Amino acid sequence: MRSHFRSSDPSDAGSHGRLLYLLGRWAPFMIVPLALVIELSPVHSVVTGTILTATPALASLTWGPKGILSVAAGACAVTLVTASLHHSWGSQVYTNLASLLVVSAASVAVSNAMRRRRQIELIQVRRIAEAAQRVLLRGVPDRLGPVRMASTYLAAETGAQIGGDLYEATQTRFGVRMIVGDVRGKGLPAVRLAAAVLGAFREAAHYEADLAEVVNHCAAAIERESVAPVAAGQDNAKDRAEDFVTAVVAEVTDSFEVQVVNRGHPPPLMVRNGEVEALKTSTELPPLGMEEFLSDSAPPVESFPFVPGDRLLLYTDGVIEARSPDNTFFDLHEAVEAAHPCGPSELLDRIHQGLLDHTGRCLADDTAMLLAERIDDGR
């Protein structure tokens, strides 16, 4: 998640690991010309056949069949060329060529077996992700009290369907309450915090009359999740300080207004008569999990008119920060205005498709959107 609240300590560990990976990946292709240079130099008495024989097996660690066969072809070419130049044809050369053939065939077989295994594992991971998504990110009903609803979610993580974005909408005795949030980071730690916030919201939304108290329960859940791994010796103080979630919580009341609590999140969009306006609160509040920066004088809940026909769009920053190949940001206001005449579900589908077209289907961050349309309930 990208946010001006985010703090991080750059580390060289990732760059070192990447460098080692690249060296290991290209090592087989560097060994082949190196062996040729040795064979053509005055020290050609150094035996390179054994090293060349091992290159297909080394290539199988990071390359598929094409890469393995390319390395093997290069090794065979070096062996044949040097044997002809030095007139060293004999049992040793034939043995090296036979060994190259055997090692190459075995490496290709192993590579194919590993690829099939990874495909099976990926299918299993996707099935688990689908099950987790149904529990963590449940689809919202088409109708909740006086509002029509629609939601959409797309994770940027390769091979996954859940990530650090969250959303929920539920009808309570206080009104229809909604939340959309974005967890700092990605992967399983982000999913863990998203689950904690959603669990707290789903419980508190039904018994806390004050919307601000619902938000406080979500913040307390983050604190509990941040402390628990430390007690087990699985985390440190620095990591805990960076556990936060930007979120916007809204409540549609019977008095034709919507109450909003925004904790460091992009402002919701109000669509009225085809015109789009951002609902910016008067005071900027810090994300959930950063309560030490919360001022007591800040108004926690603000109200805005929300009459029949109005639409409220809650979204995560992965939508507005999505970039095209030429580095242009996605224009959400324009996309909403263009799709406004559609129903809630179709509107989100069009925005979602426009987002994929804009980025070339290469999302850099998770995206979530929740749309609520106020309807005339007969009052």
Protein backbone atom coordinates (compact mmCIF):
# COMPACT_ATOMS: atom_id res chain seq x y z
CA MET A 1 0.00 0.00 0.00
CA ARG A 2 1.27 3.46 -0.79
CA SER A 3 0.51 6.19 1.72
CA HIS A 4 2.16 9.30 3.12
CA PHE A 5 1.77 7.66 6.53
CA ARG A 6 3.98 4.76 5.51
CA SER A 7 7.44 4.48 7.05
CA SER A 8 10.09 1.94 6.15
CA ASP A 9 13.75 1.17 6.72
CA PRO A 10 15.42 0.23 3.42
CA SER A 11 17.49 -2.93 3.54
CA ASP A 12 20.06 -4.42 1.18
CA ALA A 13 18.93 -7.98 1.92
CA GLY A 14 16.48 -8.02 -0.98
CA SER A 15 18.99 -6.62 -3.49
CA HIS A 16 21.67 -9.07 -2.36
CA GLY A 17 19.27 -11.99 -2.75
CA ARG A 18 18.28 -10.77 -6.20
CA LEU A 19 21.92 -10.45 -7.22
CA LEU A 20 22.71 -13.99 -6.04
CA TYR A 21 19.70 -15.31 -7.91
CA LEU A 22 20.78 -13.61 -11.15
CA LEU A 23 24.33 -14.92 -10.78
CA GLY A 24 23.04 -18.45 -10.23
CA ARG A 25 20.61 -18.17 -13.12
CA TRP A 26 23.18 -17.01 -15.66
CA ALA A 27 26.14 -19.02 -14.33
CA PRO A 28 25.62 -21.94 -16.79
CA PHE A 29 25.67 -19.54 -19.74
CA MET A 30 28.84 -17.88 -18.42
CA ILE A 31 30.62 -21.20 -17.86
CA VAL A 32 30.28 -22.26 -21.51
CA PRO A 33 32.17 -19.28 -23.07
CA LEU A 34 34.64 -19.35 -20.18
CA ALA A 35 35.45 -22.97 -21.02
CA LEU A 36 35.94 -21.99 -24.67
CA VAL A 37 38.35 -19.21 -23.68
CA ILE A 38 40.35 -21.65 -21.55
CA GLU A 39 40.50 -24.20 -24.37
CA LEU A 40 41.76 -21.58 -26.82
CA SER A 41 44.35 -20.17 -24.38
CA PRO A 42 47.85 -21.49 -23.58
CA VAL A 43 46.41 -23.23 -20.50
CA HIS A 44 44.11 -25.44 -22.60
CA SER A 45 45.56 -28.43 -20.78
CA VAL A 46 43.08 -27.64 -18.01
CA VAL A 47 40.26 -30.17 -18.31
CA THR A 48 36.94 -28.39 -18.91
CA GLY A 49 34.88 -31.39 -20.02
CA THR A 50 33.75 -32.25 -16.51
CA ILE A 51 32.59 -28.68 -15.83
CA LEU A 52 30.72 -28.49 -19.14
CA THR A 53 28.96 -31.78 -18.38
CA ALA A 54 27.51 -30.26 -15.21
CA THR A 55 26.08 -27.13 -16.88
CA PRO A 56 22.70 -28.66 -17.93
CA ALA A 57 22.09 -29.82 -14.35
CA LEU A 58 22.98 -26.33 -13.06
CA ALA A 59 20.66 -24.73 -15.61
CA SER A 60 17.77 -26.96 -14.50
CA LEU A 61 17.69 -25.13 -11.14
CA THR A 62 16.38 -21.90 -12.69
CA TRP A 63 15.58 -22.64 -16.33
CA GLY A 64 13.05 -24.72 -18.19
CA PRO A 65 13.73 -27.27 -20.97
CA LYS A 66 14.62 -24.59 -23.55
CA GLY A 67 17.26 -23.06 -21.31
CA ILE A 68 18.69 -26.47 -20.41
CA LEU A 69 18.93 -27.55 -24.06
CA SER A 70 20.51 -24.21 -25.01
CA VAL A 71 23.24 -24.66 -22.40
CA ALA A 72 23.73 -28.29 -23.46
CA ALA A 73 24.04 -27.29 -27.11
CA GLY A 74 26.63 -24.68 -26.21
CA ALA A 75 28.61 -27.18 -24.13
CA CYS A 76 28.54 -29.73 -26.98
CA ALA A 77 29.68 -27.09 -29.45
CA VAL A 78 32.64 -26.13 -27.26
CA THR A 79 33.59 -29.78 -26.83
CA LEU A 80 33.43 -30.49 -30.58
CA VAL A 81 35.30 -27.32 -31.59
CA THR A 82 38.12 -27.75 -29.08
CA ALA A 83 38.50 -31.47 -29.86
CA SER A 84 38.88 -30.63 -33.55
CA LEU A 85 41.34 -27.77 -32.94
CA HIS A 86 43.55 -29.76 -30.58
CA HIS A 87 43.14 -33.07 -32.45
CA SER A 88 42.19 -34.64 -29.15
CA TRP A 89 39.51 -37.00 -30.35
CA GLY A 90 39.44 -40.06 -28.16
CA SER A 91 37.56 -41.93 -25.49
CA GLN A 92 37.58 -38.93 -23.13
CA VAL A 93 35.80 -36.68 -25.63
CA TYR A 94 33.23 -39.35 -26.46
CA THR A 95 32.67 -39.94 -22.76
CA ASN A 96 32.11 -36.20 -22.20
CA LEU A 97 29.61 -36.02 -25.05
CA ALA A 98 27.75 -39.08 -23.79
CA SER A 99 27.69 -37.63 -20.29
CA LEU A 100 26.33 -34.34 -21.63
CA LEU A 101 23.54 -36.21 -23.41
CA VAL A 102 22.58 -38.21 -20.31
CA VAL A 103 22.76 -35.22 -17.93
CA SER A 104 20.76 -33.04 -20.36
CA ALA A 105 18.00 -35.65 -20.74
CA ALA A 106 17.82 -36.15 -16.99
CA SER A 107 17.76 -32.39 -16.34
CA VAL A 108 14.91 -31.86 -18.81
CA ALA A 109 12.94 -34.69 -17.21
CA VAL A 110 13.47 -33.27 -13.73
CA SER A 111 12.56 -29.76 -14.92
CA ASN A 112 9.30 -31.01 -16.45
CA ALA A 113 8.45 -32.94 -13.29
CA MET A 114 9.10 -29.86 -11.14
CA ARG A 115 6.98 -27.72 -13.44
CA ARG A 116 4.05 -30.15 -13.21
CA ARG A 117 4.43 -30.20 -9.44
CA ARG A 118 4.40 -26.39 -9.26
CA GLN A 119 1.28 -26.30 -11.42
CA ILE A 120 -0.48 -28.73 -9.09
CA GLU A 121 0.61 -26.69 -6.06
CA LEU A 122 -0.59 -23.47 -7.72
CA ILE A 123 -4.00 -25.01 -8.37
CA GLN A 124 -4.20 -26.04 -4.72
CA VAL A 125 -3.16 -22.57 -3.57
CA ARG A 126 -5.82 -20.99 -5.76
CA ARG A 127 -8.46 -23.30 -4.33
CA ILE A 128 -7.40 -22.35 -0.81
CA ALA A 129 -7.42 -18.68 -1.80
CA GLU A 130 -10.95 -19.00 -3.17
CA ALA A 131 -12.14 -20.60 0.07
CA ALA A 132 -10.37 -17.93 2.15
CA GLN A 133 -11.87 -15.21 0.01
CA ARG A 134 -15.38 -16.51 0.57
CA VAL A 135 -14.78 -16.31 4.33
CA LEU A 136 -12.77 -13.10 4.50
CA LEU A 137 -14.26 -11.06 1.66
CA ARG A 138 -17.87 -12.06 1.31
CA GLY A 139 -19.84 -10.60 -1.53
CA VAL A 140 -22.31 -7.96 -0.37
CA PRO A 141 -26.06 -8.45 -0.96
CA ASP A 142 -27.72 -6.55 -3.81
CA ARG A 143 -29.94 -4.79 -1.31
CA LEU A 144 -29.36 -3.73 2.28
CA GLY A 145 -32.22 -1.73 3.77
CA PRO A 146 -32.52 1.59 1.92
CA VAL A 147 -29.48 1.04 -0.31
CA ARG A 148 -28.56 -1.03 -3.32
CA MET A 149 -25.06 -2.48 -3.05
CA ALA A 150 -22.29 -3.82 -5.25
CA SER A 151 -18.66 -4.74 -4.62
CA THR A 152 -15.59 -5.86 -6.52
CA TYR A 153 -12.10 -6.98 -5.56
CA LEU A 154 -8.94 -7.91 -7.44
CA ALA A 155 -5.65 -8.92 -5.81
CA ALA A 156 -2.38 -7.96 -7.48
CA GLU A 157 -0.48 -10.91 -5.96
CA THR A 158 0.33 -13.46 -8.66
CA GLY A 159 -1.71 -16.63 -8.29
CA ALA A 160 -3.75 -15.24 -5.38
CA GLN A 161 -7.26 -13.84 -5.03
CA ILE A 162 -6.92 -12.21 -1.63
CA GLY A 163 -4.51 -9.62 -0.37
CA GLY A 164 -4.33 -6.57 1.88
CA ASP A 165 -7.53 -4.78 0.84
CA LEU A 166 -10.78 -5.32 2.73
CA TYR A 167 -14.43 -4.40 2.51
CA GLU A 168 -17.72 -5.25 4.21
CA ALA A 169 -21.30 -3.98 4.37
CA THR A 170 -23.96 -5.04 6.82
CA GLN A 171 -27.43 -3.92 7.88
CA THR A 172 -27.75 -3.12 11.58
CA ARG A 173 -30.39 -1.58 13.83
CA PHE A 174 -28.43 1.67 13.55
CA GLY A 175 -28.34 1.74 9.76
CA VAL A 176 -26.35 0.21 6.91
CA ARG A 177 -22.69 0.23 7.88
CA MET A 178 -19.77 -0.19 5.48
CA ILE A 179 -16.00 -0.34 5.62
CA VAL A 180 -13.29 -0.29 2.98
CA GLY A 181 -9.66 -0.49 4.05
CA ASP A 182 -6.11 -1.06 2.88
CA VAL A 183 -3.51 -2.86 4.99
CA ARG A 184 0.11 -1.79 4.88
CA GLY A 185 2.11 -4.35 2.95
CA LYS A 186 1.13 -7.53 1.15
CA GLY A 187 1.09 -11.29 1.57
CA LEU A 188 0.01 -13.31 4.59
CA PRO A 189 0.77 -10.60 7.22
CA ALA A 190 -1.57 -8.23 5.35
CA VAL A 191 -4.26 -10.91 5.16
CA ARG A 192 -3.89 -11.49 8.91
CA LEU A 193 -4.49 -7.80 9.71
CA ALA A 194 -7.36 -7.58 7.21
CA ALA A 195 -9.06 -10.53 8.90
CA ALA A 196 -8.61 -8.91 12.34
CA VAL A 197 -10.14 -5.60 11.21
CA LEU A 198 -13.05 -7.27 9.42
CA GLY A 199 -13.79 -9.48 12.42
CA ALA A 200 -13.85 -6.49 14.75
CA PHE A 201 -16.06 -4.49 12.37
CA ARG A 202 -18.55 -7.31 11.85
CA GLU A 203 -19.00 -7.68 15.59
CA ALA A 204 -18.95 -4.05 16.74
CA ALA A 205 -21.17 -2.78 13.92
CA HIS A 206 -24.18 -4.54 15.44
CA TYR A 207 -23.95 -3.39 19.06
CA GLU A 208 -22.11 -0.03 19.07
CA ALA A 209 -24.50 2.87 18.47
CA ASP A 210 -21.65 5.34 17.90
CA LEU A 211 -19.86 4.83 14.58
CA ALA A 212 -16.67 6.15 16.13
CA GLU A 213 -16.72 3.30 18.66
CA VAL A 214 -16.97 0.79 15.82
CA VAL A 215 -13.78 2.28 14.40
CA ASN A 216 -12.13 2.12 17.83
CA HIS A 217 -12.82 -1.62 17.99
CA CYS A 218 -11.11 -2.06 14.61
CA ALA A 219 -8.07 -0.14 15.88
CA ALA A 220 -7.96 -2.27 19.03
CA ALA A 221 -7.99 -5.42 16.88
CA ILE A 222 -4.87 -4.20 15.06
CA GLU A 223 -3.11 -3.61 18.36
CA ARG A 224 -3.96 -7.13 19.55
CA GLU A 225 -2.72 -8.69 16.30
CA SER A 226 0.49 -6.66 16.46
CA VAL A 227 1.28 -7.74 20.01
CA ALA A 228 0.40 -11.44 19.65
CA PRO A 229 3.31 -12.43 17.36
CA VAL A 230 5.77 -10.62 19.63
CA ALA A 231 4.69 -12.67 22.61
CA ALA A 232 5.53 -15.75 20.57
CA GLY A 233 8.90 -14.33 19.56
CA GLN A 234 7.91 -13.98 15.89
CA ASP A 235 8.14 -10.22 15.47
CA ASN A 236 9.92 -7.12 16.71
CA ALA A 237 9.05 -3.62 17.86
CA LYS A 238 9.92 -2.03 14.52
CA ASP A 239 7.51 -4.28 12.62
CA ARG A 240 4.75 -3.61 15.15
CA ALA A 241 5.14 0.13 14.65
CA GLU A 242 4.41 -0.33 10.97
CA ASP A 243 1.19 -2.32 11.41
CA PHE A 244 -1.57 0.02 10.29
CA VAL A 245 -4.63 0.08 8.08
CA THR A 246 -6.10 3.03 6.24
CA ALA A 247 -9.89 2.77 6.28
CA VAL A 248 -13.09 4.64 5.69
CA VAL A 249 -16.22 3.61 7.61
CA ALA A 250 -19.65 4.85 6.59
CA GLU A 251 -23.19 4.55 7.88
CA VAL A 252 -26.35 5.24 5.88
CA THR A 253 -29.08 6.44 8.24
CA ASP A 254 -32.84 6.81 7.86
CA SER A 255 -32.52 10.61 7.92
CA PHE A 256 -31.15 10.75 4.35
CA GLU A 257 -27.57 11.32 5.32
CA VAL A 258 -24.38 9.31 5.46
CA GLN A 259 -21.96 9.43 8.39
CA VAL A 260 -18.29 8.99 7.57
CA VAL A 261 -15.16 8.27 9.58
CA ASN A 262 -12.02 8.49 7.47
CA ARG A 263 -8.77 7.15 8.95
CA GLY A 264 -6.06 8.11 6.45
CA HIS A 265 -7.93 6.66 3.46
CA PRO A 266 -8.76 8.17 0.04
CA PRO A 267 -12.04 10.09 0.38
CA PRO A 268 -15.23 8.38 -0.84
CA LEU A 269 -16.86 9.68 -4.01
CA MET A 270 -20.40 11.01 -3.97
CA VAL A 271 -22.24 10.69 -7.28
CA ARG A 272 -25.25 13.02 -7.50
CA ASN A 273 -27.10 13.67 -10.77
CA GLY A 274 -24.14 12.36 -12.72
CA GLU A 275 -21.66 14.68 -11.03
CA VAL A 276 -18.83 13.25 -8.94
CA GLU A 277 -17.52 14.89 -5.79
CA ALA A 278 -15.01 13.68 -3.20
CA LEU A 279 -16.34 13.61 0.37
CA LYS A 280 -13.38 15.17 2.13
CA THR A 281 -13.66 15.36 5.90
CA SER A 282 -12.71 18.59 7.64
CA THR A 283 -9.90 16.95 9.62
CA GLU A 284 -7.32 14.42 8.47
CA LEU A 285 -7.10 11.49 10.86
CA PRO A 286 -4.27 8.94 11.03
CA PRO A 287 -4.74 5.31 9.94
CA LEU A 288 -5.97 2.62 12.29
CA GLY A 289 -3.07 1.37 14.37
CA MET A 290 -1.50 4.83 14.71
CA GLU A 291 -3.63 6.08 17.59
CA GLU A 292 -0.71 8.00 19.11
CA PHE A 293 -1.17 10.56 16.33
CA LEU A 294 -4.91 10.93 16.94
CA SER A 295 -5.95 14.34 18.32
CA ASP A 296 -8.70 14.44 20.92
CA SER A 297 -10.08 17.62 19.35
CA ALA A 298 -10.64 16.03 15.95
CA PRO A 299 -14.32 15.33 15.13
CA PRO A 300 -14.44 11.54 14.62
CA VAL A 301 -17.72 11.41 12.66
CA GLU A 302 -18.92 13.77 9.95
CA SER A 303 -22.27 13.75 8.14
CA PHE A 304 -23.17 14.44 4.51
CA PRO A 305 -26.52 14.52 2.68
CA PHE A 306 -27.39 11.21 1.02
CA VAL A 307 -30.77 11.37 -0.71
CA PRO A 308 -32.50 8.89 -3.05
CA GLY A 309 -30.56 8.57 -6.29
CA ASP A 310 -27.22 9.42 -4.70
CA ARG A 311 -24.37 6.95 -4.93
CA LEU A 312 -21.43 6.52 -2.59
CA LEU A 313 -18.26 4.84 -3.89
CA LEU A 314 -15.68 3.58 -1.40
CA TYR A 315 -12.40 2.34 -2.89
CA THR A 316 -8.76 1.64 -2.10
CA ASP A 317 -5.72 3.52 -3.35
CA GLY A 318 -4.86 0.67 -5.69
CA VAL A 319 -7.59 2.09 -7.95
CA ILE A 320 -6.46 5.71 -8.13
CA GLU A 321 -2.74 4.87 -8.11
CA ALA A 322 -2.96 2.33 -10.94
CA ARG A 323 -0.70 3.42 -13.78
CA SER A 324 -0.68 2.81 -17.49
CA PRO A 325 2.46 1.65 -19.34
CA ASP A 326 3.21 5.35 -20.04
CA ASN A 327 3.00 6.11 -16.29
CA THR A 328 -0.40 7.84 -16.32
CA PHE A 329 -2.66 7.47 -13.27
CA PHE A 330 -6.15 6.00 -13.65
CA ASP A 331 -8.81 8.75 -13.63
CA LEU A 332 -11.50 7.34 -11.34
CA HIS A 333 -13.67 10.48 -11.47
CA GLU A 334 -13.85 10.29 -15.25
CA ALA A 335 -14.52 6.54 -15.17
CA VAL A 336 -17.38 6.97 -12.70
CA GLU A 337 -18.95 9.77 -14.71
CA ALA A 338 -18.74 7.73 -17.91
CA ALA A 339 -20.37 4.68 -16.31
CA HIS A 340 -22.88 6.56 -14.12
CA PRO A 341 -26.14 5.65 -15.94
CA CYS A 342 -25.50 1.94 -15.28
CA GLY A 343 -26.75 -0.04 -12.29
CA PRO A 344 -24.38 -0.50 -9.32
CA SER A 345 -22.99 -3.88 -10.36
CA GLU A 346 -22.56 -2.92 -14.00
CA LEU A 347 -20.97 0.37 -13.01
CA LEU A 348 -18.30 -1.40 -10.97
CA ASP A 349 -17.78 -3.94 -13.75
CA ARG A 350 -17.14 -1.13 -16.22
CA ILE A 351 -14.74 0.65 -13.86
CA HIS A 352 -12.98 -2.64 -13.19
CA GLN A 353 -12.60 -3.39 -16.89
CA GLY A 354 -11.41 0.16 -17.53
CA LEU A 355 -8.83 -0.29 -14.78
CA LEU A 356 -7.51 -3.49 -16.37
CA ASP A 357 -7.40 -1.89 -19.81
CA HIS A 358 -5.59 1.16 -18.42
CA THR A 359 -2.86 -0.92 -16.75
CA GLY A 360 -2.54 -3.55 -19.44
CA ARG A 361 -3.87 -6.08 -16.90
CA CYS A 362 -0.74 -5.55 -14.77
CA LEU A 363 -1.93 -4.25 -11.41
CA ALA A 364 0.77 -3.13 -8.99
CA ASP A 365 -1.57 -3.11 -5.98
CA ASP A 366 -4.77 -4.75 -4.78
CA THR A 367 -8.00 -2.98 -5.64
CA ALA A 368 -11.36 -3.01 -3.86
CA MET A 369 -14.53 -1.00 -4.48
CA LEU A 370 -17.84 -0.83 -2.66
CA LEU A 371 -20.80 1.06 -4.11
CA ALA A 372 -23.97 2.08 -2.24
CA GLU A 373 -26.97 3.68 -3.97
CA ARG A 374 -29.66 5.34 -1.82
CA ILE A 375 -33.13 4.40 -3.00
CA ASP A 376 -36.55 5.73 -2.08
CA ASP A 377 -37.81 3.43 0.66
CA GLY A 378 -41.32 4.86 0.55
CA ARG A 379 -40.97 7.39 3.32
